[in-house]
Protein backbone atom coordinates (compact mmCIF):
# COMPACT_ATOMS: atom_id res chain seq x y z
CA MET A 1 43.79 18.39 22.02
CA TRP A 2 42.96 20.60 19.02
CA LYS A 3 39.51 19.01 18.75
CA PHE A 4 38.87 19.84 22.40
CA LEU A 5 40.00 23.46 21.94
CA SER A 6 37.85 23.76 18.81
CA LEU A 7 34.86 22.44 20.74
CA ILE A 8 35.42 24.88 23.61
CA SER A 9 35.86 27.86 21.29
CA GLY A 10 32.73 26.83 19.37
CA CYS A 11 30.73 26.76 22.60
CA VAL A 12 32.05 30.18 23.62
CA ILE A 13 31.14 31.64 20.21
CA ALA A 14 27.66 30.09 20.33
CA PHE A 15 27.09 31.42 23.86
CA ALA A 16 28.25 34.91 22.84
CA ALA A 17 25.99 34.87 19.78
CA CYS A 18 23.02 33.83 21.92
CA ALA A 19 23.76 36.52 24.49
CA ALA A 20 24.16 39.12 21.76
CA ASP A 21 20.87 38.04 20.18
CA ASN A 22 19.09 38.45 23.53
CA ASN A 23 20.38 42.01 23.76
CA THR A 24 19.46 42.99 20.20
CA ASP A 25 15.87 41.76 20.39
CA PRO A 26 14.72 42.13 24.02
CA PHE A 27 11.06 41.49 24.76
CA VAL A 28 9.05 44.69 24.44
CA GLU A 29 6.69 44.98 27.38
CA ARG A 30 4.42 47.65 25.89
CA GLN A 31 3.24 46.32 22.54
CA SER A 32 0.11 44.78 21.06
CA VAL A 33 -0.63 41.08 21.36
CA ALA A 34 -0.05 40.73 17.60
CA GLU A 35 3.37 42.39 17.89
CA ALA A 36 4.31 40.26 20.90
CA THR A 37 3.22 37.11 19.08
CA ALA A 38 5.32 38.07 16.04
CA GLN A 39 8.34 38.79 18.26
CA ILE A 40 8.08 35.44 20.05
CA GLN A 41 7.60 33.62 16.75
CA ARG A 42 10.88 35.19 15.54
CA TRP A 43 12.61 33.60 18.55
CA LEU A 44 10.90 30.21 18.18
CA ALA A 45 11.23 28.95 14.62
CA SER A 46 8.69 26.40 13.40
CA ASP A 47 11.13 23.54 14.04
CA THR A 48 12.05 24.56 17.62
CA ALA A 49 11.97 21.72 20.13
CA PHE A 50 9.58 22.21 23.04
CA ALA A 51 12.34 22.19 25.69
CA ASP A 52 14.44 24.63 23.63
CA GLY A 53 11.45 26.96 23.34
CA VAL A 54 11.02 27.00 27.11
CA ASN A 55 14.76 27.65 27.55
CA THR A 56 14.68 30.47 24.99
CA LEU A 57 11.81 32.24 26.76
CA GLU A 58 13.48 31.81 30.16
CA SER A 59 16.73 33.26 28.80
CA ARG A 60 14.76 36.34 27.72
CA GLY A 61 13.21 37.10 31.12
CA PHE A 62 10.16 34.82 31.20
CA GLN A 63 9.44 32.42 34.04
CA CYS A 64 8.14 29.14 32.66
CA GLU A 65 6.35 26.31 34.38
CA THR A 66 5.19 23.07 32.81
CA LYS A 67 1.50 22.37 33.24
CA THR A 68 -0.76 19.38 32.90
CA PRO A 69 -1.62 19.55 29.22
CA PRO A 70 -5.16 19.48 27.86
CA GLN A 71 -6.44 16.38 26.09
CA ASN A 72 -4.60 15.48 22.83
CA ILE A 73 -1.55 17.51 23.89
CA HIS A 74 1.63 15.82 25.12
CA SER A 75 3.41 18.80 26.75
CA ALA A 76 2.41 22.30 27.81
CA ALA A 77 4.14 25.23 29.52
CA ILE A 78 2.96 28.61 30.75
CA CYS A 79 5.56 31.39 30.66
CA ILE A 80 5.06 34.75 32.41
CA TYR A 81 6.87 38.03 31.73
CA PRO A 82 8.23 39.75 33.67
CA ARG A 83 9.30 37.18 36.19
CA PRO A 84 7.27 37.71 39.37
CA ASP A 85 10.49 38.41 41.30
CA GLN A 86 11.53 41.24 38.96
CA THR A 87 10.64 44.77 39.95
CA ARG A 88 10.21 47.43 37.33
CA SER A 89 9.61 50.91 38.60
CA ALA A 90 10.06 52.59 35.20
CA THR A 91 6.55 51.68 34.06
CA PRO A 92 3.47 53.17 35.69
CA ARG A 93 1.65 49.83 35.67
CA LYS A 94 3.07 46.35 35.31
CA ILE A 95 2.01 44.51 32.20
CA TYR A 96 2.18 40.77 32.61
CA TRP A 97 2.48 38.67 29.48
CA HIS A 98 1.43 35.02 29.35
CA VAL A 99 2.81 32.72 26.70
CA THR A 100 1.46 29.20 26.37
CA LEU A 101 3.53 26.64 24.51
CA GLU A 102 1.99 23.32 23.51
CA SER A 103 3.46 20.22 21.92
CA ALA A 104 1.25 17.51 20.45
CA ASP A 105 4.10 14.99 20.26
CA GLY A 106 6.25 16.11 23.21
CA ASP A 107 9.08 17.13 20.90
CA GLY A 108 8.30 20.18 18.76
CA ILE A 109 6.18 23.23 19.52
CA THR A 110 2.81 22.90 17.80
CA ARG A 111 1.04 25.95 19.24
CA ILE A 112 2.05 29.31 20.72
CA GLN A 113 -0.56 31.51 22.38
CA VAL A 114 0.29 35.00 23.65
CA ALA A 115 -1.90 37.13 25.93
CA ASN A 116 -1.56 39.98 28.43
């Protein structure tokens, strides 16, 4: 029973830490491509699994979709910010960000490309 309660409390703590992290480093819509790339690279460490990278971006307001990867790439995803269904009236013009994640082996992220 104690192991079960420890597991549950660990999950709650991990979820709270993840939610807190999302609030302390939200994606900045109006920034340079270099700044956006650096911010996303902070979220996705070099050893991040491809699926975890997609989940991380989606948890931060991106909408991701897997795509047919180019030759020599096992997995690819395109992530767009803000999600097309989000409305933001605070900005005079919407800025859409596109993040491409690629994985050569289907497991880890091998390339991140950011553009707006």
